[in-house]
Amino acid sequence: MEIKTTKIKNPSVIISADKYEGLKETLEILSDSELVRSISKALSEPKESRKPHKEVFNKK
């Protein structure tokens, strides 16, 4: 692994690559207003009427 050192003039944050990828995915989802509405609608439904994750994404 190569490490480069630079002089930073602006405030910076160092995070893991996994966290960075997760943040990018979150921003992508939040930038899609139709998807956000769909998620919000689904979460507003009573839990009793929701299908379990395994039932929806069951791979056989």
C-alpha atoms as a PDB file:
ATOM      1  CA  MET A   1       0.000   0.000   0.000  1.00  0.00           C
ATOM      2  CA  GLU A   2       1.323   3.414  -0.934  1.00  0.00           C
ATOM      3  CA  ILE A   3       0.711   6.318   1.403  1.00  0.00           C
ATOM      4  CA  LYS A   4       1.085   9.886   0.203  1.00  0.00           C
ATOM      5  CA  THR A   5       1.402  12.825   2.527  1.00  0.00           C
ATOM      6  CA  THR A   6       0.181  16.240   1.479  1.00  0.00           C
ATOM      7  CA  LYS A   7      -0.287  19.549   3.182  1.00  0.00           C
ATOM      8  CA  ILE A   8      -4.010  20.099   3.704  1.00  0.00           C
ATOM      9  CA  LYS A   9      -5.204  23.706   3.774  1.00  0.00           C
ATOM     10  CA  ASN A  10      -8.933  22.975   4.136  1.00  0.00           C
ATOM     11  CA  PRO A  11     -10.684  20.966   6.848  1.00  0.00           C
ATOM     12  CA  SER A  12     -10.744  17.296   5.844  1.00  0.00           C
ATOM     13  CA  VAL A  13     -12.129  13.999   7.067  1.00  0.00           C
ATOM     14  CA  ILE A  14     -10.635  10.553   6.586  1.00  0.00           C
ATOM     15  CA  ILE A  15     -13.100   7.662   6.425  1.00  0.00           C
ATOM     16  CA  SER A  16     -12.880   4.059   5.312  1.00  0.00           C
ATOM     17  CA  ALA A  17     -13.597   3.144   1.698  1.00  0.00           C
ATOM     18  CA  ASP A  18     -16.678   1.180   2.850  1.00  0.00           C
ATOM     19  CA  LYS A  19     -18.107   4.208   4.653  1.00  0.00           C
ATOM     20  CA  TYR A  20     -17.369   6.396   1.619  1.00  0.00           C
ATOM     21  CA  GLU A  21     -19.165   3.982  -0.725  1.00  0.00           C
ATOM     22  CA  GLY A  22     -22.110   3.865   1.679  1.00  0.00           C
ATOM     23  CA  LEU A  23     -22.333   7.654   1.740  1.00  0.00           C
ATOM     24  CA  LYS A  24     -22.259   7.803  -2.057  1.00  0.00           C
ATOM     25  CA  GLU A  25     -25.091   5.256  -2.244  1.00  0.00           C
ATOM     26  CA  THR A  26     -27.107   7.228   0.307  1.00  0.00           C
ATOM     27  CA  LEU A  27     -26.640  10.446  -1.677  1.00  0.00           C
ATOM     28  CA  GLU A  28     -27.690   8.675  -4.861  1.00  0.00           C
ATOM     29  CA  ILE A  29     -30.887   7.419  -3.221  1.00  0.00           C
ATOM     30  CA  LEU A  30     -31.687  10.791  -1.635  1.00  0.00           C
ATOM     31  CA  SER A  31     -31.194  12.589  -4.947  1.00  0.00           C
ATOM     32  CA  ASP A  32     -33.957  10.481  -6.552  1.00  0.00           C
ATOM     33  CA  SER A  33     -37.163  12.146  -5.348  1.00  0.00           C
ATOM     34  CA  GLU A  34     -39.403   9.424  -6.799  1.00  0.00           C
ATOM     35  CA  LEU A  35     -37.475   6.725  -4.941  1.00  0.00           C
ATOM     36  CA  VAL A  36     -37.566   8.735  -1.697  1.00  0.00           C
ATOM     37  CA  ARG A  37     -41.362   9.106  -2.045  1.00  0.00           C
ATOM     38  CA  SER A  38     -41.685   5.361  -2.648  1.00  0.00           C
ATOM     39  CA  ILE A  39     -39.588   4.513   0.402  1.00  0.00           C
ATOM     40  CA  SER A  40     -41.494   7.006   2.540  1.00  0.00           C
ATOM     41  CA  LYS A  41     -44.830   5.563   1.405  1.00  0.00           C
ATOM     42  CA  ALA A  42     -43.697   2.013   2.118  1.00  0.00           C
ATOM     43  CA  LEU A  43     -42.448   2.955   5.590  1.00  0.00           C
ATOM     44  CA  SER A  44     -45.743   4.664   6.410  1.00  0.00           C
ATOM     45  CA  GLU A  45     -47.647   1.399   5.913  1.00  0.00           C
ATOM     46  CA  PRO A  46     -48.411  -0.607   9.054  1.00  0.00           C
ATOM     47  CA  LYS A  47     -45.707  -3.150   9.850  1.00  0.00           C
ATOM     48  CA  GLU A  48     -48.308  -5.908   9.920  1.00  0.00           C
ATOM     49  CA  SER A  49     -49.075  -5.405   6.226  1.00  0.00           C
ATOM     50  CA  ARG A  50     -45.425  -5.435   5.106  1.00  0.00           C
ATOM     51  CA  LYS A  51     -43.874  -8.540   3.585  1.00  0.00           C
ATOM     52  CA  PRO A  52     -40.792  -9.982   5.293  1.00  0.00           C
ATOM     53  CA  HIS A  53     -37.457  -9.297   3.597  1.00  0.00           C
ATOM     54  CA  LYS A  54     -36.906 -13.028   2.991  1.00  0.00           C
ATOM     55  CA  GLU A  55     -40.257 -13.318   1.235  1.00  0.00           C
ATOM     56  CA  VAL A  56     -39.512 -10.411  -1.102  1.00  0.00           C
ATOM     57  CA  PHE A  57     -35.874 -11.269  -1.832  1.00  0.00           C
ATOM     58  CA  ASN A  58     -35.937 -15.060  -1.517  1.00  0.00           C
ATOM     59  CA  LYS A  59     -33.471 -16.506  -3.985  1.00  0.00           C
ATOM     60  CA  LYS A  60     -33.998 -20.134  -4.859  1.00  0.00           C
END
